[in-house]
């Protein structure tokens, strides 16, 4: 086996290398922009989730207050019915 000599001009090889490097630089810039966009989107989503958490806490507090109000109203009604039955039920 004999090795065949490959003859390329140094200038053409260097040009191909430079073109490849430029292409990689462009791709890296595009990836950098995409990563920046993703980071901005992530920050926006984090802010929205925090806002939703705050609203959920308010809703849970409101529901708790409504439940206690309902318990108070029902207890008052039962007490009133009990007194009415006790006092009105004994009258001839």
PDB file of N, CA and C in Angstrom:
ATOM      1  N   UNK A   1       0.834  -1.172   0.000  1.00  0.00           N
ATOM      2  CA  UNK A   1       0.000   0.000   0.000  1.00  0.00           C
ATOM      3  C   UNK A   1       0.874   1.228   0.000  1.00  0.00           C
ATOM      4  N   UNK A   2       0.526   2.041  -0.880  1.00  0.00           N
ATOM      5  CA  UNK A   2       1.263   3.301  -0.926  1.00  0.00           C
ATOM      6  C   UNK A   2       0.335   4.409  -0.507  1.00  0.00           C
ATOM      7  N   UNK A   3       0.868   5.335   0.235  1.00  0.00           N
ATOM      8  CA  UNK A   3       0.067   6.469   0.686  1.00  0.00           C
ATOM      9  C   UNK A   3      -0.014   7.478  -0.436  1.00  0.00           C
ATOM     10  N   UNK A   4      -1.230   7.880  -0.710  1.00  0.00           N
ATOM     11  CA  UNK A   4      -1.394   8.874  -1.753  1.00  0.00           C
ATOM     12  C   UNK A   4      -1.198  10.250  -1.150  1.00  0.00           C
ATOM     13  N   UNK A   5      -0.554  11.062  -1.849  1.00  0.00           N
ATOM     14  CA  UNK A   5      -0.302  12.416  -1.368  1.00  0.00           C
ATOM     15  C   UNK A   5      -1.532  13.260  -1.647  1.00  0.00           C
ATOM     16  N   UNK A   6      -1.962  13.952  -0.624  1.00  0.00           N
ATOM     17  CA  UNK A   6      -3.106  14.842  -0.770  1.00  0.00           C
ATOM     18  C   UNK A   6      -2.555  16.249  -0.811  1.00  0.00           C
ATOM     19  N   UNK A   7      -2.921  16.947  -1.815  1.00  0.00           N
ATOM     20  CA  UNK A   7      -2.387  18.307  -1.941  1.00  0.00           C
ATOM     21  C   UNK A   7      -3.531  19.300  -1.903  1.00  0.00           C
ATOM     22  N   UNK A   8      -3.560  20.057  -0.839  1.00  0.00           N
ATOM     23  CA  UNK A   8      -4.491  21.168  -0.703  1.00  0.00           C
ATOM     24  C   UNK A   8      -3.648  22.389  -0.420  1.00  0.00           C
ATOM     25  N   UNK A   9      -4.118  23.477  -0.877  1.00  0.00           N
ATOM     26  CA  UNK A   9      -3.357  24.687  -0.568  1.00  0.00           C
ATOM     27  C   UNK A   9      -3.639  25.074   0.875  1.00  0.00           C
ATOM     28  N   UNK A  10      -2.635  25.572   1.517  1.00  0.00           N
ATOM     29  CA  UNK A  10      -2.754  26.001   2.907  1.00  0.00           C
ATOM     30  C   UNK A  10      -3.807  27.094   3.029  1.00  0.00           C
ATOM     31  N   UNK A  11      -3.886  27.921   2.036  1.00  0.00           N
ATOM     32  CA  UNK A  11      -4.857  29.027   2.037  1.00  0.00           C
ATOM     33  C   UNK A  11      -6.292  28.499   2.047  1.00  0.00           C
ATOM     34  N   UNK A  12      -6.572  27.471   1.256  1.00  0.00           N
ATOM     35  CA  UNK A  12      -7.938  26.931   1.211  1.00  0.00           C
ATOM     36  C   UNK A  12      -8.288  26.211   2.511  1.00  0.00           C
ATOM     37  N   UNK A  13      -7.314  25.533   3.104  1.00  0.00           N
ATOM     38  CA  UNK A  13      -7.556  24.852   4.375  1.00  0.00           C
ATOM     39  C   UNK A  13      -7.849  25.874   5.465  1.00  0.00           C
ATOM     40  N   UNK A  14      -7.053  26.933   5.531  1.00  0.00           N
ATOM     41  CA  UNK A  14      -7.271  27.983   6.528  1.00  0.00           C
ATOM     42  C   UNK A  14      -8.614  28.670   6.319  1.00  0.00           C
ATOM     43  N   UNK A  15      -9.003  28.870   5.061  1.00  0.00           N
ATOM     44  CA  UNK A  15     -10.294  29.500   4.769  1.00  0.00           C
ATOM     45  C   UNK A  15     -11.436  28.617   5.263  1.00  0.00           C
ATOM     46  N   UNK A  16     -11.337  27.319   5.043  1.00  0.00           N
ATOM     47  CA  UNK A  16     -12.373  26.402   5.526  1.00  0.00           C
ATOM     48  C   UNK A  16     -12.450  26.411   7.049  1.00  0.00           C
ATOM     49  N   UNK A  17     -11.294  26.448   7.690  1.00  0.00           N
ATOM     50  CA  UNK A  17     -11.269  26.490   9.156  1.00  0.00           C
ATOM     51  C   UNK A  17     -11.907  27.779   9.658  1.00  0.00           C
ATOM     52  N   UNK A  18     -11.573  28.906   9.045  1.00  0.00           N
ATOM     53  CA  UNK A  18     -12.149  30.195   9.458  1.00  0.00           C
ATOM     54  C   UNK A  18     -13.659  30.208   9.233  1.00  0.00           C
ATOM     55  N   UNK A  19     -14.093  29.667   8.109  1.00  0.00           N
ATOM     56  CA  UNK A  19     -15.533  29.616   7.831  1.00  0.00           C
ATOM     57  C   UNK A  19     -16.256  28.741   8.859  1.00  0.00           C
ATOM     58  N   UNK A  20     -15.629  27.633   9.213  1.00  0.00           N
ATOM     59  CA  UNK A  20     -16.230  26.755  10.222  1.00  0.00           C
ATOM     60  C   UNK A  20     -16.318  27.459  11.568  1.00  0.00           C
ATOM     61  N   UNK A  21     -15.274  28.193  11.928  1.00  0.00           N
ATOM     62  CA  UNK A  21     -15.274  28.928  13.197  1.00  0.00           C
ATOM     63  C   UNK A  21     -16.352  30.005  13.183  1.00  0.00           C
ATOM     64  N   UNK A  22     -16.495  30.715  12.065  1.00  0.00           N
ATOM     65  CA  UNK A  22     -17.545  31.740  11.963  1.00  0.00           C
ATOM     66  C   UNK A  22     -18.929  31.111  12.096  1.00  0.00           C
ATOM     67  N   UNK A  23     -19.110  29.968  11.465  1.00  0.00           N
ATOM     68  CA  UNK A  23     -20.395  29.278  11.551  1.00  0.00           C
ATOM     69  C   UNK A  23     -20.685  28.860  12.988  1.00  0.00           C
ATOM     70  N   UNK A  24     -19.686  28.343  13.676  1.00  0.00           N
ATOM     71  CA  UNK A  24     -19.857  27.967  15.080  1.00  0.00           C
ATOM     72  C   UNK A  24     -20.146  29.185  15.950  1.00  0.00           C
ATOM     73  N   UNK A  25     -19.481  30.300  15.669  1.00  0.00           N
ATOM     74  CA  UNK A  25     -19.736  31.532  16.425  1.00  0.00           C
ATOM     75  C   UNK A  25     -21.187  31.978  16.264  1.00  0.00           C
ATOM     76  N   UNK A  26     -21.694  31.906  15.033  1.00  0.00           N
ATOM     77  CA  UNK A  26     -23.087  32.296  14.797  1.00  0.00           C
ATOM     78  C   UNK A  26     -24.047  31.374  15.546  1.00  0.00           C
ATOM     79  N   UNK A  27     -23.750  30.100  15.520  1.00  0.00           N
ATOM     80  CA  UNK A  27     -24.608  29.145  16.231  1.00  0.00           C
ATOM     81  C   UNK A  27     -24.561  29.383  17.733  1.00  0.00           C
ATOM     82  N   UNK A  28     -23.376  29.680  18.262  1.00  0.00           N
ATOM     83  CA  UNK A  28     -23.253  29.969  19.691  1.00  0.00           C
ATOM     84  C   UNK A  28     -24.002  31.242  20.066  1.00  0.00           C
ATOM     85  N   UNK A  29     -23.950  32.250  19.208  1.00  0.00           N
ATOM     86  CA  UNK A  29     -24.698  33.483  19.472  1.00  0.00           C
ATOM     87  C   UNK A  29     -26.195  33.205  19.495  1.00  0.00           C
ATOM     88  N   UNK A  30     -26.653  32.385  18.569  1.00  0.00           N
ATOM     89  CA  UNK A  30     -28.070  32.028  18.532  1.00  0.00           C
ATOM     90  C   UNK A  30     -28.460  31.270  19.797  1.00  0.00           C
ATOM     91  N   UNK A  31     -27.617  30.331  20.210  1.00  0.00           N
ATOM     92  CA  UNK A  31     -27.895  29.586  21.436  1.00  0.00           C
ATOM     93  C   UNK A  31     -27.889  30.504  22.649  1.00  0.00           C
ATOM     94  N   UNK A  32     -26.978  31.464  22.673  1.00  0.00           N
ATOM     95  CA  UNK A  32     -26.914  32.414  23.785  1.00  0.00           C
ATOM     96  C   UNK A  32     -28.195  33.244  23.857  1.00  0.00           C
ATOM     97  N   UNK A  33     -28.694  33.675  22.696  1.00  0.00           N
ATOM     98  CA  UNK A  33     -29.954  34.432  22.669  1.00  0.00           C
ATOM     99  C   UNK A  33     -31.115  33.554  23.147  1.00  0.00           C
ATOM    100  N   UNK A  34     -31.119  32.303  22.710  1.00  0.00           N
ATOM    101  CA  UNK A  34     -32.181  31.386  23.133  1.00  0.00           C
ATOM    102  C   UNK A  34     -32.148  31.155  24.638  1.00  0.00           C
ATOM    103  N   UNK A  35     -30.952  30.989  25.190  1.00  0.00           N
ATOM    104  CA  UNK A  35     -30.823  30.789  26.635  1.00  0.00           C
ATOM    105  C   UNK A  35     -31.311  32.024  27.381  1.00  0.00           C
ATOM    106  N   UNK A  36     -30.980  33.204  26.874  1.00  0.00           N
ATOM    107  CA  UNK A  36     -31.447  34.444  27.499  1.00  0.00           C
ATOM    108  C   UNK A  36     -32.968  34.520  27.462  1.00  0.00           C
ATOM    109  N   UNK A  37     -33.563  34.152  26.323  1.00  0.00           N
ATOM    110  CA  UNK A  37     -35.025  34.151  26.218  1.00  0.00           C
ATOM    111  C   UNK A  37     -35.650  33.163  27.199  1.00  0.00           C
ATOM    112  N   UNK A  38     -35.032  32.005  27.350  1.00  0.00           N
ATOM    113  CA  UNK A  38     -35.549  31.003  28.286  1.00  0.00           C
ATOM    114  C   UNK A  38     -35.458  31.522  29.718  1.00  0.00           C
ATOM    115  N   UNK A  39     -34.353  32.181  30.051  1.00  0.00           N
ATOM    116  CA  UNK A  39     -34.198  32.734  31.402  1.00  0.00           C
ATOM    117  C   UNK A  39     -35.260  33.797  31.678  1.00  0.00           C
ATOM    118  N   UNK A  40     -35.534  34.640  30.693  1.00  0.00           N
ATOM    119  CA  UNK A  40     -36.566  35.669  30.858  1.00  0.00           C
ATOM    120  C   UNK A  40     -37.930  35.008  31.036  1.00  0.00           C
ATOM    121  N   UNK A  41     -38.210  33.996  30.219  1.00  0.00           N
ATOM    122  CA  UNK A  41     -39.480  33.275  30.347  1.00  0.00           C
ATOM    123  C   UNK A  41     -39.610  32.590  31.695  1.00  0.00           C
ATOM    124  N   UNK A  42     -38.529  32.024  32.186  1.00  0.00           N
ATOM    125  CA  UNK A  42     -38.541  31.361  33.488  1.00  0.00           C
ATOM    126  C   UNK A  42     -38.799  32.362  34.601  1.00  0.00           C
ATOM    127  N   UNK A  43     -38.185  33.535  34.502  1.00  0.00           N
ATOM    128  CA  UNK A  43     -38.418  34.571  35.513  1.00  0.00           C
ATOM    129  C   UNK A  43     -39.878  35.013  35.496  1.00  0.00           C
ATOM    130  N   UNK A  44     -40.451  35.150  34.310  1.00  0.00           N
ATOM    131  CA  UNK A  44     -41.853  35.542  34.194  1.00  0.00           C
ATOM    132  C   UNK A  44     -42.760  34.472  34.800  1.00  0.00           C
ATOM    133  N   UNK A  45     -42.480  33.213  34.501  1.00  0.00           N
ATOM    134  CA  UNK A  45     -43.289  32.123  35.056  1.00  0.00           C
ATOM    135  C   UNK A  45     -43.159  32.052  36.571  1.00  0.00           C
ATOM    136  N   UNK A  46     -41.958  32.270  37.078  1.00  0.00           N
ATOM    137  CA  UNK A  46     -41.753  32.257  38.526  1.00  0.00           C
ATOM    138  C   UNK A  46     -42.567  33.356  39.186  1.00  0.00           C
ATOM    139  N   UNK A  47     -42.581  34.521  38.562  1.00  0.00           N
ATOM    140  CA  UNK A  47     -43.361  35.642  39.097  1.00  0.00           C
ATOM    141  C   UNK A  47     -44.852  35.313  39.086  1.00  0.00           C
ATOM    142  N   UNK A  48     -45.324  34.697  38.017  1.00  0.00           N
ATOM    143  CA  UNK A  48     -46.738  34.338  37.930  1.00  0.00           C
ATOM    144  C   UNK A  48     -47.108  33.281  38.968  1.00  0.00           C
ATOM    145  N   UNK A  49     -46.231  32.312  39.184  1.00  0.00           N
ATOM    146  CA  UNK A  49     -46.500  31.275  40.184  1.00  0.00           C
ATOM    147  C   UNK A  49     -46.550  31.892  41.580  1.00  0.00           C
ATOM    148  N   UNK A  50     -45.631  32.812  41.869  1.00  0.00           N
ATOM    149  CA  UNK A  50     -45.649  33.488  43.168  1.00  0.00           C
ATOM    150  C   UNK A  50     -46.945  34.266  43.354  1.00  0.00           C
ATOM    151  N   UNK A  51     -47.393  34.923  42.293  1.00  0.00           N
ATOM    152  CA  UNK A  51     -48.651  35.666  42.352  1.00  0.00           C
ATOM    153  C   UNK A  51     -49.823  34.721  42.601  1.00  0.00           C
ATOM    154  N   UNK A  52     -49.808  33.563  41.936  1.00  0.00           N
ATOM    155  CA  UNK A  52     -50.882  32.592  42.141  1.00  0.00           C
ATOM    156  C   UNK A  52     -50.856  32.043  43.562  1.00  0.00           C
ATOM    157  N   UNK A  53     -49.670  31.832  44.115  1.00  0.00           N
ATOM    158  CA  UNK A  53     -49.562  31.367  45.501  1.00  0.00           C
ATOM    159  C   UNK A  53     -50.189  32.375  46.452  1.00  0.00           C
ATOM    160  N   UNK A  54     -49.894  33.654  46.229  1.00  0.00           N
ATOM    161  CA  UNK A  54     -50.462  34.696  47.095  1.00  0.00           C
ATOM    162  C   UNK A  54     -51.984  34.728  46.994  1.00  0.00           C
ATOM    163  N   UNK A  55     -52.500  34.601  45.768  1.00  0.00           N
ATOM    164  CA  UNK A  55     -53.952  34.599  45.599  1.00  0.00           C
ATOM    165  C   UNK A  55     -54.573  33.374  46.243  1.00  0.00           C
ATOM    166  N   UNK A  56     -53.917  32.226  46.153  1.00  0.00           N
ATOM    167  CA  UNK A  56     -54.432  31.000  46.765  1.00  0.00           C
ATOM    168  C   UNK A  56     -54.475  31.128  48.283  1.00  0.00           C
ATOM    169  N   UNK A  57     -53.468  31.753  48.859  1.00  0.00           N
ATOM    170  CA  UNK A  57     -53.463  31.974  50.309  1.00  0.00           C
ATOM    171  C   UNK A  57     -54.650  32.841  50.708  1.00  0.00           C
ATOM    172  N   UNK A  58     -54.934  33.882  49.913  1.00  0.00           N
ATOM    173  CA  UNK A  58     -56.080  34.746  50.212  1.00  0.00           C
ATOM    174  C   UNK A  58     -57.388  33.964  50.107  1.00  0.00           C
ATOM    175  N   UNK A  59     -57.505  33.122  49.082  1.00  0.00           N
ATOM    176  CA  UNK A  59     -58.730  32.332  48.899  1.00  0.00           C
ATOM    177  C   UNK A  59     -58.904  31.360  50.057  1.00  0.00           C
ATOM    178  N   UNK A  60     -57.820  30.719  50.477  1.00  0.00           N
ATOM    179  CA  UNK A  60     -57.916  29.786  51.596  1.00  0.00           C
ATOM    180  C   UNK A  60     -58.350  30.509  52.864  1.00  0.00           C
ATOM    181  N   UNK A  61     -57.829  31.712  53.078  1.00  0.00           N
ATOM    182  CA  UNK A  61     -58.236  32.501  54.242  1.00  0.00           C
ATOM    183  C   UNK A  61     -59.699  32.888  54.161  1.00  0.00           C
ATOM    184  N   UNK A  62     -60.157  33.262  52.983  1.00  0.00           N
ATOM    185  CA  UNK A  62     -61.554  33.637  52.791  1.00  0.00           C
ATOM    186  C   UNK A  62     -62.463  32.437  53.027  1.00  0.00           C
ATOM    187  N   UNK A  63     -62.089  31.284  52.522  1.00  0.00           N
ATOM    188  CA  UNK A  63     -62.900  30.082  52.725  1.00  0.00           C
ATOM    189  C   UNK A  63     -62.965  29.716  54.201  1.00  0.00           C
ATOM    190  N   UNK A  64     -61.866  29.863  54.896  1.00  0.00           N
ATOM    191  CA  UNK A  64     -61.856  29.572  56.331  1.00  0.00           C
ATOM    192  C   UNK A  64     -62.814  30.502  57.068  1.00  0.00           C
ATOM    193  N   UNK A  65     -62.786  31.777  56.716  1.00  0.00           N
ATOM    194  CA  UNK A  65     -63.706  32.734  57.343  1.00  0.00           C
ATOM    195  C   UNK A  65     -65.157  32.390  57.025  1.00  0.00           C
ATOM    196  N   UNK A  66     -65.429  31.981  55.801  1.00  0.00           N
ATOM    197  CA  UNK A  66     -66.792  31.623  55.416  1.00  0.00           C
ATOM    198  C   UNK A  66     -67.270  30.389  56.180  1.00  0.00           C
ATOM    199  N   UNK A  67     -66.400  29.426  56.363  1.00  0.00           N
ATOM    200  CA  UNK A  67     -66.782  28.219  57.106  1.00  0.00           C
ATOM    201  C   UNK A  67     -67.108  28.571  58.550  1.00  0.00           C
ATOM    202  N   UNK A  68     -66.284  29.401  59.195  1.00  0.00           N
ATOM    203  CA  UNK A  68     -66.551  29.790  60.582  1.00  0.00           C
ATOM    204  C   UNK A  68     -67.840  30.596  60.687  1.00  0.00           C
ATOM    205  N   UNK A  69     -68.107  31.441  59.696  1.00  0.00           N
ATOM    206  CA  UNK A  69     -69.363  32.190  59.690  1.00  0.00           C
ATOM    207  C   UNK A  69     -70.545  31.240  59.577  1.00  0.00           C
ATOM    208  N   UNK A  70     -70.447  30.249  58.691  1.00  0.00           N
ATOM    209  CA  UNK A  70     -71.514  29.269  58.527  1.00  0.00           C
ATOM    210  C   UNK A  70     -71.731  28.471  59.814  1.00  0.00           C
ATOM    211  N   UNK A  71     -70.653  28.070  60.469  1.00  0.00           N
ATOM    212  CA  UNK A  71     -70.770  27.332  61.734  1.00  0.00           C
ATOM    213  C   UNK A  71     -71.455  28.194  62.785  1.00  0.00           C
ATOM    214  N   UNK A  72     -71.096  29.465  62.852  1.00  0.00           N
ATOM    215  CA  UNK A  72     -71.705  30.379  63.826  1.00  0.00           C
ATOM    216  C   UNK A  72     -73.194  30.551  63.555  1.00  0.00           C
ATOM    217  N   UNK A  73     -73.562  30.729  62.288  1.00  0.00           N
ATOM    218  CA  UNK A  73     -74.977  30.907  61.932  1.00  0.00           C
ATOM    219  C   UNK A  73     -75.773  29.641  62.262  1.00  0.00           C
ATOM    220  N   UNK A  74     -75.232  28.477  61.899  1.00  0.00           N
ATOM    221  CA  UNK A  74     -75.937  27.230  62.186  1.00  0.00           C
ATOM    222  C   UNK A  74     -76.066  26.994  63.686  1.00  0.00           C
ATOM    223  N   UNK A  75     -75.017  27.292  64.434  1.00  0.00           N
ATOM    224  CA  UNK A  75     -75.081  27.129  65.890  1.00  0.00           C
ATOM    225  C   UNK A  75     -76.124  28.063  66.489  1.00  0.00           C
ATOM    226  N   UNK A  76     -76.130  29.297  66.038  1.00  0.00           N
ATOM    227  CA  UNK A  76     -77.128  30.256  66.525  1.00  0.00           C
ATOM    228  C   UNK A  76     -78.538  29.812  66.200  1.00  0.00           C
ATOM    229  N   UNK A  77     -78.720  29.286  64.994  1.00  0.00           N
ATOM    230  CA  UNK A  77     -80.049  28.808  64.596  1.00  0.00           C
ATOM    231  C   UNK A  77     -80.483  27.628  65.454  1.00  0.00           C
ATOM    232  N   UNK A  78     -79.575  26.696  65.701  1.00  0.00           N
ATOM    233  CA  UNK A  78     -79.912  25.544  66.537  1.00  0.00           C
ATOM    234  C   UNK A  78     -80.242  25.968  67.963  1.00  0.00           C
ATOM    235  N   UNK A  79     -79.502  26.912  68.488  1.00  0.00           N
ATOM    236  CA  UNK A  79     -79.781  27.412  69.834  1.00  0.00           C
ATOM    237  C   UNK A  79     -81.146  28.093  69.867  1.00  0.00           C
ATOM    238  N   UNK A  80     -81.441  28.898  68.845  1.00  0.00           N
ATOM    239  CA  UNK A  80     -82.737  29.587  68.789  1.00  0.00           C
ATOM    240  C   UNK A  80     -83.880  28.582  68.687  1.00  0.00           C
ATOM    241  N   UNK A  81     -83.735  27.563  67.857  1.00  0.00           N
ATOM    242  CA  UNK A  81     -84.775  26.544  67.721  1.00  0.00           C
ATOM    243  C   UNK A  81     -84.925  25.776  69.031  1.00  0.00           C
ATOM    244  N   UNK A  82     -83.830  25.493  69.683  1.00  0.00           N
ATOM    245  CA  UNK A  82     -83.883  24.792  70.965  1.00  0.00           C
ATOM    246  C   UNK A  82     -84.615  25.608  72.017  1.00  0.00           C
ATOM    247  N   UNK A  83     -84.298  26.890  72.130  1.00  0.00           N
ATOM    248  CA  UNK A  83     -85.001  27.747  73.083  1.00  0.00           C
ATOM    249  C   UNK A  83     -86.481  27.857  72.725  1.00  0.00           C
ATOM    250  N   UNK A  84     -86.776  28.018  71.436  1.00  0.00           N
ATOM    251  CA  UNK A  84     -88.171  28.148  71.009  1.00  0.00           C
ATOM    252  C   UNK A  84     -88.937  26.875  71.357  1.00  0.00           C
ATOM    253  N   UNK A  85     -88.346  25.717  71.072  1.00  0.00           N
ATOM    254  CA  UNK A  85     -89.020  24.449  71.357  1.00  0.00           C
ATOM    255  C   UNK A  85     -89.198  24.258  72.860  1.00  0.00           C
ATOM    256  N   UNK A  86     -88.221  24.655  73.639  1.00  0.00           N
ATOM    257  CA  UNK A  86     -88.294  24.475  75.082  1.00  0.00           C
ATOM    258  C   UNK A  86     -89.347  25.386  75.696  1.00  0.00           C
ATOM    259  N   UNK A  87     -89.317  26.661  75.311  1.00  0.00           N
ATOM    260  CA  UNK A  87     -90.247  27.607  75.922  1.00  0.00           C
ATOM    261  C   UNK A  87     -91.632  27.559  75.289  1.00  0.00           C
ATOM    262  N   UNK A  88     -91.729  27.376  73.995  1.00  0.00           N
ATOM    263  CA  UNK A  88     -93.026  27.366  73.327  1.00  0.00           C
ATOM    264  C   UNK A  88     -93.677  25.986  73.415  1.00  0.00           C
ATOM    265  N   UNK A  89     -92.909  24.956  73.546  1.00  0.00           N
ATOM    266  CA  UNK A  89     -93.453  23.606  73.625  1.00  0.00           C
ATOM    267  C   UNK A  89     -94.108  23.338  74.967  1.00  0.00           C
ATOM    268  N   UNK A  90     -93.776  24.044  76.022  1.00  0.00           N
ATOM    269  CA  UNK A  90     -94.334  23.839  77.351  1.00  0.00           C
ATOM    270  C   UNK A  90     -95.589  24.665  77.595  1.00  0.00           C
ATOM    271  N   UNK A  91     -95.963  25.537  76.708  1.00  0.00           N
ATOM    272  CA  UNK A  91     -97.165  26.364  76.875  1.00  0.00           C
ATOM    273  C   UNK A  91     -98.394  25.566  76.467  1.00  0.00           C
ATOM    274  N   UNK A  92     -99.410  25.545  77.355  1.00  0.00           N
ATOM    275  CA  UNK A  92    -100.634  24.805  77.006  1.00  0.00           C
ATOM    276  C   UNK A  92    -101.503  25.562  76.033  1.00  0.00           C
TER     277      UNK A  92
END
